[in-house]
Amino acid sequence: GGTSIGAPSWAGISQLISQQKGAPAGNLNTRI
């Protein structure tokens, strides 16, 4: 465990967004 679980998992989530968007999502902070 550790917050190390979340960093790669959220990197994966950004890839799901990028796939559906058809382009890199970029920094997520503003939209979050």
PDB file of all heavy atoms in Angstrom:
ATOM      1  N   GLY A   1       0.830  -1.202   0.000  1.00  0.00           N
ATOM      2  CA  GLY A   1       0.000   0.000   0.000  1.00  0.00           C
ATOM      3  C   GLY A   1       0.861   1.247   0.000  1.00  0.00           C
ATOM      4  O   GLY A   1       2.067   1.200  -0.225  1.00  0.00           O
ATOM      5  N   GLY A   2       0.230   2.371   0.262  1.00  0.00           N
ATOM      6  CA  GLY A   2       0.897   3.669   0.226  1.00  0.00           C
ATOM      7  C   GLY A   2       0.240   4.568  -0.802  1.00  0.00           C
ATOM      8  O   GLY A   2      -0.536   4.110  -1.648  1.00  0.00           O
ATOM      9  N   THR A   3       0.548   5.839  -0.739  1.00  0.00           N
ATOM     10  CA  THR A   3       0.011   6.744  -1.762  1.00  0.00           C
ATOM     11  C   THR A   3       0.602   6.423  -3.130  1.00  0.00           C
ATOM     12  O   THR A   3       0.162   6.954  -4.147  1.00  0.00           O
ATOM     13  CB  THR A   3       0.262   8.221  -1.395  1.00  0.00           C
ATOM     14  OG1 THR A   3       1.639   8.411  -1.054  1.00  0.00           O
ATOM     15  CG2 THR A   3      -0.600   8.641  -0.210  1.00  0.00           C
ATOM     16  N   SER A   4       1.580   5.507  -3.153  1.00  0.00           N
ATOM     17  CA  SER A   4       2.098   4.986  -4.416  1.00  0.00           C
ATOM     18  C   SER A   4       1.053   4.200  -5.196  1.00  0.00           C
ATOM     19  O   SER A   4       1.219   4.010  -6.400  1.00  0.00           O
ATOM     20  CB  SER A   4       3.285   4.053  -4.150  1.00  0.00           C
ATOM     21  OG  SER A   4       4.426   4.775  -3.794  1.00  0.00           O
ATOM     22  N   ILE A   5       0.027   3.715  -4.542  1.00  0.00           N
ATOM     23  CA  ILE A   5      -1.049   3.049  -5.289  1.00  0.00           C
ATOM     24  C   ILE A   5      -1.769   4.080  -6.160  1.00  0.00           C
ATOM     25  O   ILE A   5      -2.113   3.826  -7.313  1.00  0.00           O
ATOM     26  CB  ILE A   5      -2.057   2.378  -4.330  1.00  0.00           C
ATOM     27  CG1 ILE A   5      -1.389   1.258  -3.512  1.00  0.00           C
ATOM     28  CG2 ILE A   5      -3.264   1.856  -5.096  1.00  0.00           C
ATOM     29  CD1 ILE A   5      -1.082   0.013  -4.294  1.00  0.00           C
ATOM     30  N   GLY A   6      -1.996   5.261  -5.617  1.00  0.00           N
ATOM     31  CA  GLY A   6      -2.808   6.261  -6.293  1.00  0.00           C
ATOM     32  C   GLY A   6      -2.135   6.946  -7.461  1.00  0.00           C
ATOM     33  O   GLY A   6      -2.783   7.253  -8.461  1.00  0.00           O
ATOM     34  N   ALA A   7      -0.811   7.217  -7.371  1.00  0.00           N
ATOM     35  CA  ALA A   7      -0.139   7.939  -8.459  1.00  0.00           C
ATOM     36  C   ALA A   7      -0.213   7.168  -9.777  1.00  0.00           C
ATOM     37  O   ALA A   7      -0.657   7.718 -10.789  1.00  0.00           O
ATOM     38  CB  ALA A   7       1.297   8.270  -8.075  1.00  0.00           C
ATOM     39  N   PRO A   8       0.183   5.886  -9.830  1.00  0.00           N
ATOM     40  CA  PRO A   8       0.068   5.169 -11.107  1.00  0.00           C
ATOM     41  C   PRO A   8      -1.376   4.906 -11.509  1.00  0.00           C
ATOM     42  O   PRO A   8      -1.691   4.857 -12.709  1.00  0.00           O
ATOM     43  CB  PRO A   8       0.829   3.861 -10.858  1.00  0.00           C
ATOM     44  CG  PRO A   8       0.822   3.682  -9.385  1.00  0.00           C
ATOM     45  CD  PRO A   8       0.853   5.063  -8.812  1.00  0.00           C
ATOM     46  N   SER A   9      -2.266   4.742 -10.536  1.00  0.00           N
ATOM     47  CA  SER A   9      -3.675   4.515 -10.863  1.00  0.00           C
ATOM     48  C   SER A   9      -4.275   5.750 -11.515  1.00  0.00           C
ATOM     49  O   SER A   9      -5.008   5.658 -12.513  1.00  0.00           O
ATOM     50  CB  SER A   9      -4.459   4.140  -9.605  1.00  0.00           C
ATOM     51  OG  SER A   9      -4.008   2.904  -9.068  1.00  0.00           O
ATOM     52  N   TRP A  10      -3.971   6.932 -10.983  1.00  0.00           N
ATOM     53  CA  TRP A  10      -4.482   8.159 -11.591  1.00  0.00           C
ATOM     54  C   TRP A  10      -3.810   8.432 -12.944  1.00  0.00           C
ATOM     55  O   TRP A  10      -4.436   8.995 -13.854  1.00  0.00           O
ATOM     56  CB  TRP A  10      -4.314   9.345 -10.648  1.00  0.00           C
ATOM     57  CG  TRP A  10      -5.532   9.537  -9.798  1.00  0.00           C
ATOM     58  CD1 TRP A  10      -5.735   9.113  -8.521  1.00  0.00           C
ATOM     59  CD2 TRP A  10      -6.749  10.184 -10.201  1.00  0.00           C
ATOM     60  NE1 TRP A  10      -6.994   9.450  -8.096  1.00  0.00           N
ATOM     61  CE2 TRP A  10      -7.638  10.117  -9.109  1.00  0.00           C
ATOM     62  CE3 TRP A  10      -7.167  10.812 -11.363  1.00  0.00           C
ATOM     63  CZ2 TRP A  10      -8.925  10.659  -9.145  1.00  0.00           C
ATOM     64  CZ3 TRP A  10      -8.443  11.355 -11.420  1.00  0.00           C
ATOM     65  CH2 TRP A  10      -9.311  11.272 -10.317  1.00  0.00           C
ATOM     66  N   ALA A  11      -2.558   8.011 -13.099  1.00  0.00           N
ATOM     67  CA  ALA A  11      -1.941   8.095 -14.424  1.00  0.00           C
ATOM     68  C   ALA A  11      -2.742   7.259 -15.414  1.00  0.00           C
ATOM     69  O   ALA A  11      -2.967   7.657 -16.561  1.00  0.00           O
ATOM     70  CB  ALA A  11      -0.490   7.619 -14.367  1.00  0.00           C
ATOM     71  N   GLY A  12      -3.208   6.077 -14.949  1.00  0.00           N
ATOM     72  CA  GLY A  12      -4.061   5.242 -15.788  1.00  0.00           C
ATOM     73  C   GLY A  12      -5.379   5.916 -16.118  1.00  0.00           C
ATOM     74  O   GLY A  12      -5.854   5.848 -17.256  1.00  0.00           O
ATOM     75  N   ILE A  13      -5.985   6.586 -15.124  1.00  0.00           N
ATOM     76  CA  ILE A  13      -7.251   7.286 -15.363  1.00  0.00           C
ATOM     77  C   ILE A  13      -7.070   8.370 -16.428  1.00  0.00           C
ATOM     78  O   ILE A  13      -7.920   8.553 -17.302  1.00  0.00           O
ATOM     79  CB  ILE A  13      -7.789   7.894 -14.046  1.00  0.00           C
ATOM     80  CG1 ILE A  13      -8.180   6.777 -13.065  1.00  0.00           C
ATOM     81  CG2 ILE A  13      -8.994   8.804 -14.323  1.00  0.00           C
ATOM     82  CD1 ILE A  13      -8.516   7.267 -11.667  1.00  0.00           C
ATOM     83  N   SER A  14      -5.942   9.071 -16.366  1.00  0.00           N
ATOM     84  CA  SER A  14      -5.704  10.117 -17.368  1.00  0.00           C
ATOM     85  C   SER A  14      -5.607   9.516 -18.766  1.00  0.00           C
ATOM     86  O   SER A  14      -5.988  10.161 -19.753  1.00  0.00           O
ATOM     87  CB  SER A  14      -4.437  10.913 -17.040  1.00  0.00           C
ATOM     88  OG  SER A  14      -3.259  10.185 -17.338  1.00  0.00           O
ATOM     89  N   GLN A  15      -5.117   8.285 -18.870  1.00  0.00           N
ATOM     90  CA  GLN A  15      -5.043   7.625 -20.175  1.00  0.00           C
ATOM     91  C   GLN A  15      -6.442   7.280 -20.701  1.00  0.00           C
ATOM     92  O   GLN A  15      -6.687   7.333 -21.906  1.00  0.00           O
ATOM     93  CB  GLN A  15      -4.193   6.360 -20.073  1.00  0.00           C
ATOM     94  CG  GLN A  15      -2.722   6.607 -19.787  1.00  0.00           C
ATOM     95  CD  GLN A  15      -2.020   7.321 -20.923  1.00  0.00           C
ATOM     96  OE1 GLN A  15      -2.027   8.553 -21.008  1.00  0.00           O
ATOM     97  NE2 GLN A  15      -1.400   6.558 -21.799  1.00  0.00           N
ATOM     98  N   LEU A  16      -7.337   6.937 -19.808  1.00  0.00           N
ATOM     99  CA  LEU A  16      -8.723   6.682 -20.226  1.00  0.00           C
ATOM    100  C   LEU A  16      -9.345   7.960 -20.793  1.00  0.00           C
ATOM    101  O   LEU A  16     -10.053   7.930 -21.812  1.00  0.00           O
ATOM    102  CB  LEU A  16      -9.549   6.174 -19.043  1.00  0.00           C
ATOM    103  CG  LEU A  16      -9.018   4.958 -18.274  1.00  0.00           C
ATOM    104  CD1 LEU A  16      -9.974   4.594 -17.138  1.00  0.00           C
ATOM    105  CD2 LEU A  16      -8.777   3.769 -19.187  1.00  0.00           C
ATOM    106  N   ILE A  17      -9.069   9.078 -20.116  1.00  0.00           N
ATOM    107  CA  ILE A  17      -9.563  10.373 -20.602  1.00  0.00           C
ATOM    108  C   ILE A  17      -8.947  10.697 -21.958  1.00  0.00           C
ATOM    109  O   ILE A  17      -9.642  11.107 -22.896  1.00  0.00           O
ATOM    110  CB  ILE A  17      -9.246  11.481 -19.582  1.00  0.00           C
ATOM    111  CG1 ILE A  17     -10.015  11.246 -18.271  1.00  0.00           C
ATOM    112  CG2 ILE A  17      -9.583  12.859 -20.150  1.00  0.00           C
ATOM    113  CD1 ILE A  17      -9.565  12.153 -17.132  1.00  0.00           C
ATOM    114  N   SER A  18      -7.631  10.505 -22.071  1.00  0.00           N
ATOM    115  CA  SER A  18      -6.943  10.812 -23.327  1.00  0.00           C
ATOM    116  C   SER A  18      -7.479   9.967 -24.473  1.00  0.00           C
ATOM    117  O   SER A  18      -7.656  10.460 -25.597  1.00  0.00           O
ATOM    118  CB  SER A  18      -5.436  10.587 -23.162  1.00  0.00           C
ATOM    119  OG  SER A  18      -4.882  11.503 -22.236  1.00  0.00           O
ATOM    120  N   GLN A  19      -7.737   8.684 -24.191  1.00  0.00           N
ATOM    121  CA  GLN A  19      -8.276   7.822 -25.249  1.00  0.00           C
ATOM    122  C   GLN A  19      -9.630   8.323 -25.732  1.00  0.00           C
ATOM    123  O   GLN A  19      -9.872   8.452 -26.935  1.00  0.00           O
ATOM    124  CB  GLN A  19      -8.413   6.382 -24.754  1.00  0.00           C
ATOM    125  CG  GLN A  19      -9.010   5.445 -25.813  1.00  0.00           C
ATOM    126  CD  GLN A  19      -9.419   4.098 -25.256  1.00  0.00           C
ATOM    127  OE1 GLN A  19      -9.174   3.784 -24.093  1.00  0.00           O
ATOM    128  NE2 GLN A  19     -10.067   3.281 -26.077  1.00  0.00           N
ATOM    129  N   GLN A  20     -10.511   8.617 -24.766  1.00  0.00           N
ATOM    130  CA  GLN A  20     -11.852   9.042 -25.156  1.00  0.00           C
ATOM    131  C   GLN A  20     -11.828  10.421 -25.808  1.00  0.00           C
ATOM    132  O   GLN A  20     -12.624  10.710 -26.708  1.00  0.00           O
ATOM    133  CB  GLN A  20     -12.784   9.032 -23.948  1.00  0.00           C
ATOM    134  CG  GLN A  20     -14.250   9.145 -24.327  1.00  0.00           C
ATOM    135  CD  GLN A  20     -15.176   8.511 -23.299  1.00  0.00           C
ATOM    136  OE1 GLN A  20     -14.774   8.225 -22.178  1.00  0.00           O
ATOM    137  NE2 GLN A  20     -16.426   8.301 -23.671  1.00  0.00           N
ATOM    138  N   LYS A  21     -10.900  11.254 -25.399  1.00  0.00           N
ATOM    139  CA  LYS A  21     -10.760  12.597 -25.976  1.00  0.00           C
ATOM    140  C   LYS A  21     -10.095  12.551 -27.351  1.00  0.00           C
ATOM    141  O   LYS A  21     -10.324  13.416 -28.198  1.00  0.00           O
ATOM    142  CB  LYS A  21      -9.935  13.468 -25.019  1.00  0.00           C
ATOM    143  CG  LYS A  21      -9.720  14.902 -25.462  1.00  0.00           C
ATOM    144  CD  LYS A  21      -8.899  15.643 -24.414  1.00  0.00           C
ATOM    145  CE  LYS A  21      -8.747  17.112 -24.753  1.00  0.00           C
ATOM    146  NZ  LYS A  21      -8.003  17.360 -25.990  1.00  0.00           N
ATOM    147  N   GLY A  22      -9.243  11.550 -27.545  1.00  0.00           N
ATOM    148  CA  GLY A  22      -8.510  11.459 -28.796  1.00  0.00           C
ATOM    149  C   GLY A  22      -7.261  12.301 -28.826  1.00  0.00           C
ATOM    150  O   GLY A  22      -6.682  12.538 -29.889  1.00  0.00           O
ATOM    151  N   ALA A  23      -6.816  12.778 -27.669  1.00  0.00           N
ATOM    152  CA  ALA A  23      -5.617  13.613 -27.556  1.00  0.00           C
ATOM    153  C   ALA A  23      -5.189  13.607 -26.091  1.00  0.00           C
ATOM    154  O   ALA A  23      -5.996  13.306 -25.202  1.00  0.00           O
ATOM    155  CB  ALA A  23      -5.896  15.043 -28.024  1.00  0.00           C
ATOM    156  N   PRO A  24      -3.914  13.941 -25.802  1.00  0.00           N
ATOM    157  CA  PRO A  24      -3.470  13.967 -24.404  1.00  0.00           C
ATOM    158  C   PRO A  24      -4.326  14.898 -23.551  1.00  0.00           C
ATOM    159  O   PRO A  24      -4.674  16.004 -23.965  1.00  0.00           O
ATOM    160  CB  PRO A  24      -2.024  14.462 -24.493  1.00  0.00           C
ATOM    161  CG  PRO A  24      -1.584  14.060 -25.865  1.00  0.00           C
ATOM    162  CD  PRO A  24      -2.800  14.216 -26.735  1.00  0.00           C
ATOM    163  N   ALA A  25      -4.646  14.433 -22.343  1.00  0.00           N
ATOM    164  CA  ALA A  25      -5.507  15.217 -21.447  1.00  0.00           C
ATOM    165  C   ALA A  25      -4.786  16.418 -20.858  1.00  0.00           C
ATOM    166  O   ALA A  25      -5.405  17.435 -20.549  1.00  0.00           O
ATOM    167  CB  ALA A  25      -6.031  14.323 -20.322  1.00  0.00           C
ATOM    168  N   GLY A  26      -3.470  16.313 -20.668  1.00  0.00           N
ATOM    169  CA  GLY A  26      -2.726  17.391 -20.028  1.00  0.00           C
ATOM    170  C   GLY A  26      -2.950  17.403 -18.526  1.00  0.00           C
ATOM    171  O   GLY A  26      -3.476  16.453 -17.936  1.00  0.00           O
ATOM    172  N   ASN A  27      -2.544  18.494 -17.891  1.00  0.00           N
ATOM    173  CA  ASN A  27      -2.720  18.615 -16.443  1.00  0.00           C
ATOM    174  C   ASN A  27      -4.199  18.609 -16.091  1.00  0.00           C
ATOM    175  O   ASN A  27      -4.996  19.355 -16.671  1.00  0.00           O
ATOM    176  CB  ASN A  27      -2.059  19.912 -15.949  1.00  0.00           C
ATOM    177  CG  ASN A  27      -2.128  20.065 -14.455  1.00  0.00           C
ATOM    178  OD1 ASN A  27      -3.146  20.473 -13.914  1.00  0.00           O
ATOM    179  ND2 ASN A  27      -1.041  19.736 -13.780  1.00  0.00           N
ATOM    180  N   LEU A  28      -4.593  17.773 -15.107  1.00  0.00           N
ATOM    181  CA  LEU A  28      -6.007  17.593 -14.777  1.00  0.00           C
ATOM    182  C   LEU A  28      -6.545  18.579 -13.749  1.00  0.00           C
ATOM    183  O   LEU A  28      -7.760  18.636 -13.518  1.00  0.00           O
ATOM    184  CB  LEU A  28      -6.248  16.172 -14.233  1.00  0.00           C
ATOM    185  CG  LEU A  28      -5.882  14.959 -15.083  1.00  0.00           C
ATOM    186  CD1 LEU A  28      -6.464  13.689 -14.450  1.00  0.00           C
ATOM    187  CD2 LEU A  28      -6.348  15.103 -16.517  1.00  0.00           C
ATOM    188  N   ASN A  29      -5.678  19.350 -13.110  1.00  0.00           N
ATOM    189  CA  ASN A  29      -6.092  20.087 -11.911  1.00  0.00           C
ATOM    190  C   ASN A  29      -7.261  21.042 -12.126  1.00  0.00           C
ATOM    191  O   ASN A  29      -8.220  21.056 -11.346  1.00  0.00           O
ATOM    192  CB  ASN A  29      -4.910  20.848 -11.321  1.00  0.00           C
ATOM    193  CG  ASN A  29      -3.893  19.920 -10.681  1.00  0.00           C
ATOM    194  OD1 ASN A  29      -4.158  18.735 -10.501  1.00  0.00           O
ATOM    195  ND2 ASN A  29      -2.732  20.441 -10.360  1.00  0.00           N
ATOM    196  N   THR A  30      -7.196  21.866 -13.155  1.00  0.00           N
ATOM    197  CA  THR A  30      -8.253  22.860 -13.357  1.00  0.00           C
ATOM    198  C   THR A  30      -9.617  22.195 -13.440  1.00  0.00           C
ATOM    199  O   THR A  30     -10.584  22.629 -12.793  1.00  0.00           O
ATOM    200  CB  THR A  30      -7.984  23.677 -14.631  1.00  0.00           C
ATOM    201  OG1 THR A  30      -6.771  24.420 -14.464  1.00  0.00           O
ATOM    202  CG2 THR A  30      -9.123  24.644 -14.919  1.00  0.00           C
ATOM    203  N   ARG A  31      -9.721  21.128 -14.207  1.00  0.00           N
ATOM    204  CA  ARG A  31     -11.008  20.453 -14.381  1.00  0.00           C
ATOM    205  C   ARG A  31     -11.434  19.708 -13.125  1.00  0.00           C
ATOM    206  O   ARG A  31     -12.629  19.707 -12.773  1.00  0.00           O
ATOM    207  CB  ARG A  31     -10.932  19.500 -15.575  1.00  0.00           C
ATOM    208  CG  ARG A  31     -12.266  18.854 -15.933  1.00  0.00           C
ATOM    209  CD  ARG A  31     -13.287  19.876 -16.364  1.00  0.00           C
ATOM    210  NE  ARG A  31     -14.538  19.237 -16.807  1.00  0.00           N
ATOM    211  CZ  ARG A  31     -15.735  19.773 -16.658  1.00  0.00           C
ATOM    212  NH1 ARG A  31     -15.861  20.974 -16.097  1.00  0.00           N
ATOM    213  NH2 ARG A  31     -16.805  19.131 -17.091  1.00  0.00           N
ATOM    214  N   ILE A  32     -10.485  19.090 -12.406  1.00  0.00           N
ATOM    215  CA  ILE A  32     -10.828  18.415 -11.148  1.00  0.00           C
ATOM    216  C   ILE A  32     -11.464  19.407 -10.178  1.00  0.00           C
ATOM    217  O   ILE A  32     -12.472  19.114  -9.530  1.00  0.00           O
ATOM    218  CB  ILE A  32      -9.582  17.763 -10.514  1.00  0.00           C
ATOM    219  CG1 ILE A  32      -9.187  16.504 -11.294  1.00  0.00           C
ATOM    220  CG2 ILE A  32      -9.836  17.409  -9.045  1.00  0.00           C
ATOM    221  CD1 ILE A  32      -7.894  15.870 -10.821  1.00  0.00           C
TER     222      ILE A  32
END
